[in-house]
Each structure stands twice: as structure tokens, then as C-alpha cells.
Amino acid sequence: MMGFGLLSLLVTIGIFFWLTRQETARPDSRPKQEDQLPPQGILDRRYARGELTREEYREIKQDLS
């Protein structure tokens, strides 16, 4: 009889951890700040972060104009 109580406790704890893990695995539904920027703003931010070279920045900026 005692083994059944222990088993149900372990199952309950397992379900609790599984549910909390599922809750944190959901993607954030709020849009990122960068998603709200116009294309030129995204380009400027990427250049400022060092993701683009000067030549890449100028080419993309010309394409956007």
C-alpha cells in the first residue's frame, strides 16, 4: 500500500515538471522591437552591431531606396 502512495507522488511531481517545462517552451507572442522598425532602421541597427560591412550596408541601403 505504501508503494502506491510513493508512486502516485512521483507521477504527480513528474506531471508538474512536464507542465512547467511546456509553459516555458512556448514562443513569446509579443513582437520584438526590431520587428516594429522600418527596413532602414533594421539596416542601421545591423550595421551598428557590426553584422554588416560598410560595403554591404551601402549596397543594401541603395537597394532599399
N, C-alpha and C. Protein backbone atom coordinates (compact mmCIF):
# COMPACT_ATOMS: atom_id res chain seq x y z
N MET A 1 0.82 -1.19 0.00
CA MET A 1 0.00 0.00 0.00
C MET A 1 0.86 1.26 0.00
N MET A 2 1.97 1.22 0.70
CA MET A 2 2.82 2.38 0.77
C MET A 2 3.50 2.66 -0.57
N GLY A 3 3.81 1.63 -1.33
CA GLY A 3 4.43 1.79 -2.64
C GLY A 3 3.54 2.55 -3.60
N PHE A 4 2.23 2.35 -3.53
CA PHE A 4 1.29 3.04 -4.40
C PHE A 4 1.28 4.54 -4.10
N GLY A 5 1.35 4.92 -2.85
CA GLY A 5 1.38 6.33 -2.47
C GLY A 5 2.64 7.01 -2.97
N LEU A 6 3.75 6.31 -2.85
CA LEU A 6 5.01 6.85 -3.34
C LEU A 6 4.99 6.98 -4.85
N LEU A 7 4.43 5.98 -5.51
CA LEU A 7 4.34 6.02 -6.97
C LEU A 7 3.46 7.18 -7.43
N SER A 8 2.33 7.39 -6.77
CA SER A 8 1.44 8.48 -7.18
C SER A 8 2.11 9.84 -6.92
N LEU A 9 2.90 9.95 -5.87
CA LEU A 9 3.62 11.19 -5.59
C LEU A 9 4.65 11.45 -6.68
N LEU A 10 5.38 10.43 -7.09
CA LEU A 10 6.38 10.60 -8.14
C LEU A 10 5.73 10.96 -9.47
N VAL A 11 4.60 10.36 -9.78
CA VAL A 11 3.87 10.68 -11.02
C VAL A 11 3.40 12.12 -10.97
N THR A 12 2.86 12.55 -9.83
CA THR A 12 2.39 13.93 -9.69
C THR A 12 3.54 14.92 -9.88
N ILE A 13 4.67 14.64 -9.27
CA ILE A 13 5.84 15.52 -9.42
C ILE A 13 6.30 15.54 -10.88
N GLY A 14 6.31 14.39 -11.52
CA GLY A 14 6.69 14.33 -12.93
C GLY A 14 5.77 15.14 -13.82
N ILE A 15 4.47 15.03 -13.58
CA ILE A 15 3.49 15.80 -14.36
C ILE A 15 3.69 17.29 -14.12
N PHE A 16 3.95 17.68 -12.89
CA PHE A 16 4.17 19.09 -12.56
C PHE A 16 5.37 19.64 -13.35
N PHE A 17 6.49 18.90 -13.33
CA PHE A 17 7.67 19.36 -14.06
C PHE A 17 7.43 19.38 -15.56
N TRP A 18 6.70 18.42 -16.08
CA TRP A 18 6.40 18.39 -17.50
C TRP A 18 5.56 19.58 -17.91
N LEU A 19 4.54 19.91 -17.09
CA LEU A 19 3.68 21.06 -17.41
C LEU A 19 4.44 22.37 -17.33
N THR A 20 5.29 22.53 -16.34
CA THR A 20 6.04 23.78 -16.23
C THR A 20 7.05 23.91 -17.37
N ARG A 21 7.58 22.80 -17.82
CA ARG A 21 8.50 22.85 -18.95
C ARG A 21 7.76 23.23 -20.23
N GLN A 22 6.56 22.72 -20.40
CA GLN A 22 5.75 23.06 -21.56
C GLN A 22 5.41 24.54 -21.56
N GLU A 23 5.15 25.11 -20.40
CA GLU A 23 4.80 26.52 -20.28
C GLU A 23 5.94 27.41 -20.73
N THR A 24 7.17 27.05 -20.36
CA THR A 24 8.31 27.87 -20.73
C THR A 24 8.76 27.64 -22.16
N ALA A 25 8.33 26.56 -22.79
CA ALA A 25 8.76 26.25 -24.15
C ALA A 25 7.95 27.02 -25.19
N ARG A 26 6.89 27.66 -24.79
CA ARG A 26 6.06 28.40 -25.75
C ARG A 26 6.79 29.64 -26.24
N PRO A 27 6.69 29.93 -27.54
CA PRO A 27 7.34 31.14 -28.04
C PRO A 27 6.65 32.39 -27.52
N ASP A 28 7.40 33.43 -27.38
CA ASP A 28 6.85 34.69 -26.91
C ASP A 28 5.97 35.28 -27.99
N SER A 29 4.72 35.62 -27.65
CA SER A 29 3.79 36.12 -28.64
C SER A 29 3.97 37.61 -28.90
N ARG A 30 4.72 38.30 -28.05
CA ARG A 30 4.93 39.72 -28.27
C ARG A 30 5.96 39.93 -29.36
N PRO A 31 5.72 40.88 -30.27
CA PRO A 31 6.71 41.12 -31.32
C PRO A 31 7.96 41.75 -30.74
N LYS A 32 9.10 41.42 -31.31
CA LYS A 32 10.35 42.02 -30.88
C LYS A 32 10.38 43.48 -31.34
N GLN A 33 11.17 44.27 -30.65
CA GLN A 33 11.25 45.68 -31.00
C GLN A 33 11.76 45.85 -32.44
N GLU A 34 12.69 44.98 -32.84
CA GLU A 34 13.24 45.09 -34.18
C GLU A 34 12.19 44.80 -35.25
N ASP A 35 11.21 43.95 -34.94
CA ASP A 35 10.16 43.64 -35.90
C ASP A 35 9.28 44.85 -36.19
N GLN A 36 9.28 45.83 -35.31
CA GLN A 36 8.45 47.00 -35.48
C GLN A 36 9.18 48.13 -36.19
N LEU A 37 10.48 47.97 -36.45
CA LEU A 37 11.26 49.00 -37.12
C LEU A 37 11.04 48.93 -38.63
N PRO A 38 11.17 50.07 -39.30
CA PRO A 38 11.15 50.04 -40.77
C PRO A 38 12.44 49.41 -41.28
N PRO A 39 12.47 48.99 -42.54
CA PRO A 39 13.67 48.32 -43.07
C PRO A 39 14.96 49.13 -42.88
N GLN A 40 14.89 50.44 -43.06
CA GLN A 40 16.09 51.27 -42.90
C GLN A 40 16.58 51.23 -41.45
N GLY A 41 15.66 51.20 -40.49
CA GLY A 41 16.03 51.12 -39.09
C GLY A 41 16.70 49.80 -38.76
N ILE A 42 16.20 48.70 -39.33
CA ILE A 42 16.80 47.39 -39.12
C ILE A 42 18.20 47.37 -39.72
N LEU A 43 18.34 47.95 -40.92
CA LEU A 43 19.65 48.01 -41.57
C LEU A 43 20.64 48.80 -40.72
N ASP A 44 20.22 49.96 -40.23
CA ASP A 44 21.09 50.77 -39.39
C ASP A 44 21.51 50.03 -38.13
N ARG A 45 20.59 49.34 -37.52
CA ARG A 45 20.89 48.60 -36.29
C ARG A 45 21.87 47.45 -36.56
N ARG A 46 21.67 46.75 -37.66
CA ARG A 46 22.59 45.64 -38.01
C ARG A 46 23.99 46.17 -38.28
N TYR A 47 24.09 47.33 -38.94
CA TYR A 47 25.39 47.92 -39.21
C TYR A 47 26.05 48.36 -37.90
N ALA A 48 25.28 48.94 -37.01
CA ALA A 48 25.81 49.39 -35.72
C ALA A 48 26.29 48.21 -34.88
N ARG A 49 25.67 47.06 -35.00
CA ARG A 49 26.07 45.87 -34.26
C ARG A 49 27.31 45.21 -34.86
N GLY A 50 27.68 45.64 -36.06
CA GLY A 50 28.84 45.04 -36.72
C GLY A 50 28.50 43.81 -37.53
N GLU A 51 27.21 43.59 -37.81
CA GLU A 51 26.80 42.43 -38.59
C GLU A 51 27.05 42.62 -40.08
N LEU A 52 27.20 43.87 -40.50
CA LEU A 52 27.41 44.18 -41.91
C LEU A 52 28.68 45.00 -42.08
N THR A 53 29.34 44.79 -43.21
CA THR A 53 30.47 45.65 -43.54
C THR A 53 29.94 46.95 -44.14
N ARG A 54 30.82 47.92 -44.30
CA ARG A 54 30.41 49.21 -44.88
C ARG A 54 29.88 49.01 -46.30
N GLU A 55 30.55 48.15 -47.06
CA GLU A 55 30.12 47.90 -48.44
C GLU A 55 28.74 47.24 -48.48
N GLU A 56 28.53 46.24 -47.62
CA GLU A 56 27.23 45.57 -47.56
C GLU A 56 26.14 46.57 -47.16
N TYR A 57 26.46 47.40 -46.18
CA TYR A 57 25.49 48.41 -45.72
C TYR A 57 25.10 49.34 -46.87
N ARG A 58 26.11 49.84 -47.60
CA ARG A 58 25.81 50.77 -48.71
C ARG A 58 25.01 50.09 -49.82
N GLU A 59 25.36 48.84 -50.14
CA GLU A 59 24.61 48.12 -51.19
C GLU A 59 23.15 47.92 -50.80
N ILE A 60 22.93 47.48 -49.58
CA ILE A 60 21.57 47.22 -49.13
C ILE A 60 20.79 48.53 -49.04
N LYS A 61 21.45 49.59 -48.55
CA LYS A 61 20.79 50.90 -48.44
C LYS A 61 20.36 51.39 -49.82
N GLN A 62 21.22 51.18 -50.82
CA GLN A 62 20.88 51.58 -52.19
C GLN A 62 19.70 50.75 -52.71
N ASP A 63 19.69 49.46 -52.39
CA ASP A 63 18.57 48.60 -52.81
C ASP A 63 17.25 49.03 -52.18
N LEU A 64 17.31 49.51 -50.95
CA LEU A 64 16.09 49.92 -50.26
C LEU A 64 15.54 51.26 -50.78
N SER A 65 16.41 52.08 -51.37
CA SER A 65 15.98 53.41 -51.84
C SER A 65 15.19 53.31 -53.12
